[in-house]
PDB file of N, CA and C in Angstrom:
ATOM      1  N   MET A   1      93.818 106.348 104.742  1.00  0.00           N
ATOM      2  CA  MET A   1      94.670 107.436 104.228  1.00  0.00           C
ATOM      3  C   MET A   1      93.524 108.199 103.520  1.00  0.00           C
ATOM      4  N   SER A   2      93.486 109.538 103.920  1.00  0.00           N
ATOM      5  CA  SER A   2      92.363 110.597 103.496  1.00  0.00           C
ATOM      6  C   SER A   2      93.012 111.284 102.261  1.00  0.00           C
ATOM      7  N   PHE A   3      92.152 111.805 101.588  1.00  0.00           N
ATOM      8  CA  PHE A   3      92.643 112.733 100.609  1.00  0.00           C
ATOM      9  C   PHE A   3      93.619 113.761 101.090  1.00  0.00           C
ATOM     10  N   LYS A   4      93.278 114.393 102.243  1.00  0.00           N
ATOM     11  CA  LYS A   4      94.418 115.210 102.593  1.00  0.00           C
ATOM     12  C   LYS A   4      95.711 114.778 102.792  1.00  0.00           C
ATOM     13  N   ASP A   5      95.885 113.723 103.097  1.00  0.00           N
ATOM     14  CA  ASP A   5      97.415 112.992 102.917  1.00  0.00           C
ATOM     15  C   ASP A   5      98.111 112.861 101.664  1.00  0.00           C
ATOM     16  N   TYR A   6      97.400 113.101 100.598  1.00  0.00           N
ATOM     17  CA  TYR A   6      98.060 112.908  99.602  1.00  0.00           C
ATOM     18  C   TYR A   6      99.236 114.012  99.040  1.00  0.00           C
ATOM     19  N   PRO A   7      98.852 115.020  99.403  1.00  0.00           N
ATOM     20  CA  PRO A   7     100.041 116.105  99.130  1.00  0.00           C
ATOM     21  C   PRO A   7     101.304 115.726  99.810  1.00  0.00           C
ATOM     22  N   ASP A   8     101.077 115.340 100.924  1.00  0.00           N
ATOM     23  CA  ASP A   8     102.331 115.060 101.931  1.00  0.00           C
ATOM     24  C   ASP A   8     103.070 113.782 101.552  1.00  0.00           C
ATOM     25  N   ILE A   9     102.009 112.964 100.813  1.00  0.00           N
ATOM     26  CA  ILE A   9     102.668 111.546 100.280  1.00  0.00           C
ATOM     27  C   ILE A   9     103.683 111.862  99.103  1.00  0.00           C
ATOM     28  N   VAL A  10     102.958 112.748  98.233  1.00  0.00           N
ATOM     29  CA  VAL A  10     103.384 113.039  96.965  1.00  0.00           C
ATOM     30  C   VAL A  10     105.059 113.814  97.191  1.00  0.00           C
ATOM     31  N   ARG A  11     104.666 114.905  98.299  1.00  0.00           N
ATOM     32  CA  ARG A  11     106.064 115.445  98.658  1.00  0.00           C
ATOM     33  C   ARG A  11     106.907 114.469  99.184  1.00  0.00           C
ATOM     34  N   TYR A  12     106.866 113.580 100.038  1.00  0.00           N
ATOM     35  CA  TYR A  12     107.732 112.511 100.513  1.00  0.00           C
ATOM     36  C   TYR A  12     108.269 111.821  99.699  1.00  0.00           C
ATOM     37  N   PHE A  13     107.522 111.482  98.682  1.00  0.00           N
ATOM     38  CA  PHE A  13     108.100 110.383  97.634  1.00  0.00           C
ATOM     39  C   PHE A  13     109.099 111.288  96.538  1.00  0.00           C
ATOM     40  N   ALA A  14     108.688 112.275  96.252  1.00  0.00           N
ATOM     41  CA  ALA A  14     109.585 113.368  95.405  1.00  0.00           C
ATOM     42  C   ALA A  14     110.796 113.476  96.130  1.00  0.00           C
ATOM     43  N   GLY A  15     110.753 113.699  97.551  1.00  0.00           N
ATOM     44  CA  GLY A  15     112.093 114.061  98.359  1.00  0.00           C
ATOM     45  C   GLY A  15     112.807 112.879  98.442  1.00  0.00           C
ATOM     46  N   PHE A  16     112.250 111.544  98.448  1.00  0.00           N
ATOM     47  CA  PHE A  16     112.816 110.314  98.359  1.00  0.00           C
ATOM     48  C   PHE A  16     113.621 110.186  97.123  1.00  0.00           C
ATOM     49  N   LEU A  17     112.908 110.371  96.066  1.00  0.00           N
ATOM     50  CA  LEU A  17     113.572 109.846  94.745  1.00  0.00           C
ATOM     51  C   LEU A  17     114.741 110.886  94.343  1.00  0.00           C
ATOM     52  N   LEU A  18     114.606 112.103  94.868  1.00  0.00           N
ATOM     53  CA  LEU A  18     115.755 113.106  94.822  1.00  0.00           C
ATOM     54  C   LEU A  18     117.069 112.779  95.315  1.00  0.00           C
ATOM     55  N   SER A  19     116.654 112.476  96.732  1.00  0.00           N
ATOM     56  CA  SER A  19     117.783 111.999  97.912  1.00  0.00           C
ATOM     57  C   SER A  19     118.477 110.867  97.312  1.00  0.00           C
ATOM     58  N   LEU A  20     117.702 109.731  96.465  1.00  0.00           N
ATOM     59  CA  LEU A  20     118.166 108.362  96.128  1.00  0.00           C
ATOM     60  C   LEU A  20     119.058 109.010  94.787  1.00  0.00           C
ATOM     61  N   LYS A  21     118.659 110.087  94.095  1.00  0.00           N
ATOM     62  CA  LYS A  21     119.183 110.265  92.814  1.00  0.00           C
ATOM     63  C   LYS A  21     120.620 110.873  93.460  1.00  0.00           C
ATOM     64  N   LEU A  22     120.661 111.741  94.128  1.00  0.00           N
ATOM     65  CA  LEU A  22     121.941 112.509  94.652  1.00  0.00           C
ATOM     66  C   LEU A  22     122.620 111.663  95.384  1.00  0.00           C
ATOM     67  N   LEU A  23     122.299 110.540  95.921  1.00  0.00           N
ATOM     68  CA  LEU A  23     123.260 109.370  96.601  1.00  0.00           C
ATOM     69  C   LEU A  23     123.874 108.544  95.672  1.00  0.00           C
ATOM     70  N   LEU A  24     123.195 107.881  94.603  1.00  0.00           N
ATOM     71  CA  LEU A  24     123.536 107.105  93.595  1.00  0.00           C
ATOM     72  C   LEU A  24     124.441 108.032  92.746  1.00  0.00           C
ATOM     73  N   GLU A  25     124.109 108.995  92.196  1.00  0.00           N
ATOM     74  CA  GLU A  25     125.004 109.923  91.447  1.00  0.00           C
ATOM     75  C   GLU A  25     126.510 110.310  92.110  1.00  0.00           C
ATOM     76  N   SER A  26     126.459 110.095  93.366  1.00  0.00           N
ATOM     77  CA  SER A  26     127.756 110.296  94.004  1.00  0.00           C
ATOM     78  C   SER A  26     128.727 109.412  93.867  1.00  0.00           C
ATOM     79  N   PHE A  27     127.829 107.996  93.686  1.00  0.00           N
ATOM     80  CA  PHE A  27     128.658 106.913  93.418  1.00  0.00           C
ATOM     81  C   PHE A  27     129.025 106.638  91.930  1.00  0.00           C
ATOM     82  N   GLY A  28     128.344 107.285  91.192  1.00  0.00           N
ATOM     83  CA  GLY A  28     128.660 107.110  89.666  1.00  0.00           C
ATOM     84  C   GLY A  28     127.576 106.479  88.946  1.00  0.00           C
ATOM     85  N   PHE A  29     126.489 106.174  89.650  1.00  0.00           N
ATOM     86  CA  PHE A  29     125.271 105.716  88.960  1.00  0.00           C
ATOM     87  C   PHE A  29     124.358 106.598  88.591  1.00  0.00           C
ATOM     88  N   THR A  30     123.809 106.546  87.252  1.00  0.00           N
ATOM     89  CA  THR A  30     122.855 107.470  86.895  1.00  0.00           C
ATOM     90  C   THR A  30     121.473 106.985  87.000  1.00  0.00           C
ATOM     91  N   PHE A  31     120.621 107.369  88.184  1.00  0.00           N
ATOM     92  CA  PHE A  31     119.328 106.864  88.395  1.00  0.00           C
ATOM     93  C   PHE A  31     118.169 107.352  87.554  1.00  0.00           C
ATOM     94  N   ILE A  32     118.230 108.736  87.286  1.00  0.00           N
ATOM     95  CA  ILE A  32     117.123 109.333  86.214  1.00  0.00           C
ATOM     96  C   ILE A  32     117.734 110.454  85.419  1.00  0.00           C
ATOM     97  N   THR A  33     117.581 110.621  84.515  1.00  0.00           N
ATOM     98  CA  THR A  33     118.268 111.661  83.886  1.00  0.00           C
ATOM     99  C   THR A  33     117.427 112.828  83.712  1.00  0.00           C
ATOM    100  N   ASN A  34     118.190 114.127  83.320  1.00  0.00           N
ATOM    101  CA  ASN A  34     117.315 115.062  83.219  1.00  0.00           C
ATOM    102  C   ASN A  34     116.294 115.024  82.194  1.00  0.00           C
ATOM    103  N   GLU A  35     116.236 114.417  81.150  1.00  0.00           N
ATOM    104  CA  GLU A  35     115.091 114.357  80.186  1.00  0.00           C
ATOM    105  C   GLU A  35     114.071 113.755  80.757  1.00  0.00           C
ATOM    106  N   GLN A  36     114.234 112.622  81.724  1.00  0.00           N
ATOM    107  CA  GLN A  36     113.118 111.859  82.439  1.00  0.00           C
ATOM    108  C   GLN A  36     112.307 112.672  83.222  1.00  0.00           C
ATOM    109  N   ILE A  37     113.189 113.695  83.933  1.00  0.00           N
ATOM    110  CA  ILE A  37     112.921 114.779  85.200  1.00  0.00           C
ATOM    111  C   ILE A  37     111.759 115.545  84.267  1.00  0.00           C
ATOM    112  N   ASP A  38     112.357 116.139  83.108  1.00  0.00           N
ATOM    113  CA  ASP A  38     111.275 116.869  82.171  1.00  0.00           C
ATOM    114  C   ASP A  38     110.102 116.136  81.821  1.00  0.00           C
ATOM    115  N   SER A  39     110.209 115.007  81.481  1.00  0.00           N
ATOM    116  CA  SER A  39     108.964 114.306  81.049  1.00  0.00           C
ATOM    117  C   SER A  39     108.113 114.138  82.113  1.00  0.00           C
ATOM    118  N   ILE A  40     108.770 113.903  83.165  1.00  0.00           N
ATOM    119  CA  ILE A  40     107.534 113.649  84.502  1.00  0.00           C
ATOM    120  C   ILE A  40     107.075 114.866  84.672  1.00  0.00           C
ATOM    121  N   VAL A  41     107.658 115.914  84.830  1.00  0.00           N
ATOM    122  CA  VAL A  41     107.072 117.566  85.151  1.00  0.00           C
ATOM    123  C   VAL A  41     105.905 117.582  84.100  1.00  0.00           C
ATOM    124  N   ASN A  42     106.415 117.454  82.845  1.00  0.00           N
ATOM    125  CA  ASN A  42     105.377 117.594  81.753  1.00  0.00           C
ATOM    126  C   ASN A  42     104.287 116.734  81.916  1.00  0.00           C
ATOM    127  N   ILE A  43     104.242 115.764  82.219  1.00  0.00           N
ATOM    128  CA  ILE A  43     102.993 114.692  82.461  1.00  0.00           C
ATOM    129  C   ILE A  43     102.103 115.318  83.730  1.00  0.00           C
ATOM    130  N   ALA A  44     102.993 115.623  84.872  1.00  0.00           N
ATOM    131  CA  ALA A  44     102.208 116.052  85.818  1.00  0.00           C
ATOM    132  C   ALA A  44     101.670 117.495  85.750  1.00  0.00           C
ATOM    133  N   ALA A  45     102.067 118.278  84.851  1.00  0.00           N
ATOM    134  CA  ALA A  45     101.248 119.626  84.656  1.00  0.00           C
ATOM    135  C   ALA A  45     100.147 119.265  83.764  1.00  0.00           C
ATOM    136  N   PHE A  46     100.450 118.397  83.036  1.00  0.00           N
ATOM    137  CA  PHE A  46      99.304 118.035  81.892  1.00  0.00           C
ATOM    138  C   PHE A  46      98.190 117.589  82.791  1.00  0.00           C
ATOM    139  N   LEU A  47      98.436 116.525  83.352  1.00  0.00           N
ATOM    140  CA  LEU A  47      97.120 116.004  84.513  1.00  0.00           C
ATOM    141  C   LEU A  47      96.643 117.076  85.467  1.00  0.00           C
ATOM    142  N   PHE A  48      97.492 117.978  85.978  1.00  0.00           N
ATOM    143  CA  PHE A  48      97.095 118.870  86.587  1.00  0.00           C
ATOM    144  C   PHE A  48      96.206 119.969  85.921  1.00  0.00           C
ATOM    145  N   ILE A  49      96.581 120.513  84.946  1.00  0.00           N
ATOM    146  CA  ILE A  49      95.464 121.228  84.153  1.00  0.00           C
ATOM    147  C   ILE A  49      94.422 120.366  83.770  1.00  0.00           C
ATOM    148  N   LEU A  50      94.555 119.185  83.135  1.00  0.00           N
ATOM    149  CA  LEU A  50      93.224 118.290  82.924  1.00  0.00           C
ATOM    150  C   LEU A  50      92.366 118.318  84.032  1.00  0.00           C
ATOM    151  N   TYR A  51      92.836 117.832  85.199  1.00  0.00           N
ATOM    152  CA  TYR A  51      91.970 117.767  86.416  1.00  0.00           C
ATOM    153  C   TYR A  51      91.316 118.799  86.973  1.00  0.00           C
ATOM    154  N   PHE A  52      92.104 120.051  87.137  1.00  0.00           N
ATOM    155  CA  PHE A  52      91.474 121.324  87.442  1.00  0.00           C
ATOM    156  C   PHE A  52      90.634 122.153  86.169  1.00  0.00           C
ATOM    157  N   GLY A  53      90.982 122.001  84.988  1.00  0.00           N
ATOM    158  CA  GLY A  53      89.966 122.201  83.973  1.00  0.00           C
ATOM    159  C   GLY A  53      88.761 121.514  84.062  1.00  0.00           C
ATOM    160  N   PHE A  54      88.686 120.456  84.301  1.00  0.00           N
ATOM    161  CA  PHE A  54      87.451 119.737  84.347  1.00  0.00           C
ATOM    162  C   PHE A  54      86.550 119.922  85.678  1.00  0.00           C
ATOM    163  N   LYS A  55      87.291 120.234  86.587  1.00  0.00           N
ATOM    164  CA  LYS A  55      86.789 120.619  88.063  1.00  0.00           C
ATOM    165  C   LYS A  55      86.142 121.774  87.805  1.00  0.00           C
ATOM    166  N   ASN A  56      86.592 122.659  87.437  1.00  0.00           N
ATOM    167  CA  ASN A  56      86.266 124.282  87.448  1.00  0.00           C
ATOM    168  C   ASN A  56      85.351 124.719  86.191  1.00  0.00           C
ATOM    169  N   ASN A  57      84.572 123.966  85.808  1.00  0.00           N
ATOM    170  CA  ASN A  57      83.528 124.318  84.416  1.00  0.00           C
ATOM    171  C   ASN A  57      82.194 124.237  84.954  1.00  0.00           C
ATOM    172  N   TYR A  58      81.305 124.386  84.031  1.00  0.00           N
ATOM    173  CA  TYR A  58      80.002 124.194  84.334  1.00  0.00           C
ATOM    174  C   TYR A  58      79.289 123.251  83.310  1.00  0.00           C
ATOM    175  N   ILE A  59      80.164 122.075  83.031  1.00  0.00           N
ATOM    176  CA  ILE A  59      79.736 121.018  82.032  1.00  0.00           C
ATOM    177  C   ILE A  59      78.932 119.834  82.947  1.00  0.00           C
ATOM    178  N   THR A  60      79.852 119.644  84.100  1.00  0.00           N
ATOM    179  CA  THR A  60      79.140 118.751  85.041  1.00  0.00           C
ATOM    180  C   THR A  60      77.706 118.811  85.577  1.00  0.00           C
ATOM    181  N   LYS A  61      77.616 117.969  86.306  1.00  0.00           N
ATOM    182  CA  LYS A  61      76.011 118.197  86.946  1.00  0.00           C
ATOM    183  C   LYS A  61      76.122 118.883  88.093  1.00  0.00           C
ATOM    184  N   LYS A  62      77.315 119.111  88.912  1.00  0.00           N
ATOM    185  CA  LYS A  62      77.374 119.959  89.935  1.00  0.00           C
ATOM    186  C   LYS A  62      77.521 121.366  89.275  1.00  0.00           C
ATOM    187  N   GLY A  63      78.582 121.487  88.377  1.00  0.00           N
ATOM    188  CA  GLY A  63      78.696 122.743  87.687  1.00  0.00           C
ATOM    189  C   GLY A  63      77.464 123.500  87.106  1.00  0.00           C
ATOM    190  N   LYS A  64      76.564 122.571  86.488  1.00  0.00           N
ATOM    191  CA  LYS A  64      75.474 123.211  85.943  1.00  0.00           C
ATOM    192  C   LYS A  64      74.573 123.656  87.333  1.00  0.00           C
ATOM    193  N   GLU A  65      74.460 123.024  88.221  1.00  0.00           N
ATOM    194  CA  GLU A  65      73.894 123.410  89.492  1.00  0.00           C
ATOM    195  C   GLU A  65      74.327 124.808  89.897  1.00  0.00           C
ATOM    196  N   GLN A  66      75.558 124.815  90.127  1.00  0.00           N
ATOM    197  CA  GLN A  66      76.279 125.972  90.547  1.00  0.00           C
ATOM    198  C   GLN A  66      75.995 127.206  89.267  1.00  0.00           C
ATOM    199  N   LYS A  67      75.975 126.887  88.151  1.00  0.00           N
ATOM    200  CA  LYS A  67      75.554 128.085  87.095  1.00  0.00           C
ATOM    201  C   LYS A  67      74.148 128.501  87.279  1.00  0.00           C
ATOM    202  N   GLU A  68      73.384 127.761  87.627  1.00  0.00           N
ATOM    203  CA  GLU A  68      71.936 127.863  87.883  1.00  0.00           C
ATOM    204  C   GLU A  68      71.856 128.799  89.161  1.00  0.00           C
ATOM    205  N   LEU A  69      72.504 128.399  90.100  1.00  0.00           N
ATOM    206  CA  LEU A  69      72.253 129.228  91.231  1.00  0.00           C
ATOM    207  C   LEU A  69      72.931 130.351  91.224  1.00  0.00           C
ATOM    208  N   LEU A  70      73.962 130.855  90.560  1.00  0.00           N
ATOM    209  CA  LEU A  70      74.642 132.033  90.074  1.00  0.00           C
ATOM    210  C   LEU A  70      73.583 132.789  89.407  1.00  0.00           C
ATOM    211  N   LYS A  71      72.934 132.450  88.448  1.00  0.00           N
ATOM    212  CA  LYS A  71      72.131 132.976  87.365  1.00  0.00           C
ATOM    213  C   LYS A  71      70.898 133.472  88.485  1.00  0.00           C
ATOM    214  N   LYS A  72      70.306 132.580  89.126  1.00  0.00           N
ATOM    215  CA  LYS A  72      69.257 133.037  90.295  1.00  0.00           C
ATOM    216  C   LYS A  72      69.639 134.266  90.889  1.00  0.00           C
ATOM    217  N   HIS A  73      70.936 134.356  91.585  1.00  0.00           N
ATOM    218  CA  HIS A  73      71.028 135.279  92.311  1.00  0.00           C
ATOM    219  C   HIS A  73      71.675 136.496  91.821  1.00  0.00           C
ATOM    220  N   GLY A  74      71.698 136.409  90.220  1.00  0.00           N
ATOM    221  CA  GLY A  74      72.006 137.498  89.269  1.00  0.00           C
ATOM    222  C   GLY A  74      73.654 138.071  89.419  1.00  0.00           C
ATOM    223  N   LEU A  75      74.469 136.743  89.768  1.00  0.00           N
ATOM    224  CA  LEU A  75      75.703 136.834  89.785  1.00  0.00           C
ATOM    225  C   LEU A  75      76.500 136.402  88.388  1.00  0.00           C
ATOM    226  N   PHE A  76      75.731 135.829  87.576  1.00  0.00           N
ATOM    227  CA  PHE A  76      76.271 135.056  86.207  1.00  0.00           C
ATOM    228  C   PHE A  76      75.688 135.840  85.117  1.00  0.00           C
TER     229      PHE A  76
END
């Protein structure tokens, strides 16, 4: 499994959980509440912001190299 497959797996898993929730609710079972869904979305958003905030900066070794390259070419 490559990193390219990761978004497909996440979408499939989310679709599976949603389908399971709809099926169980039609029979009167509460699989996951709206508060739990909100919590999951908040956690996912937090992790998304943290990941891309770390990835797009000039703090890491790769970021420092990119900053120096930009300075060298007069783009920073």
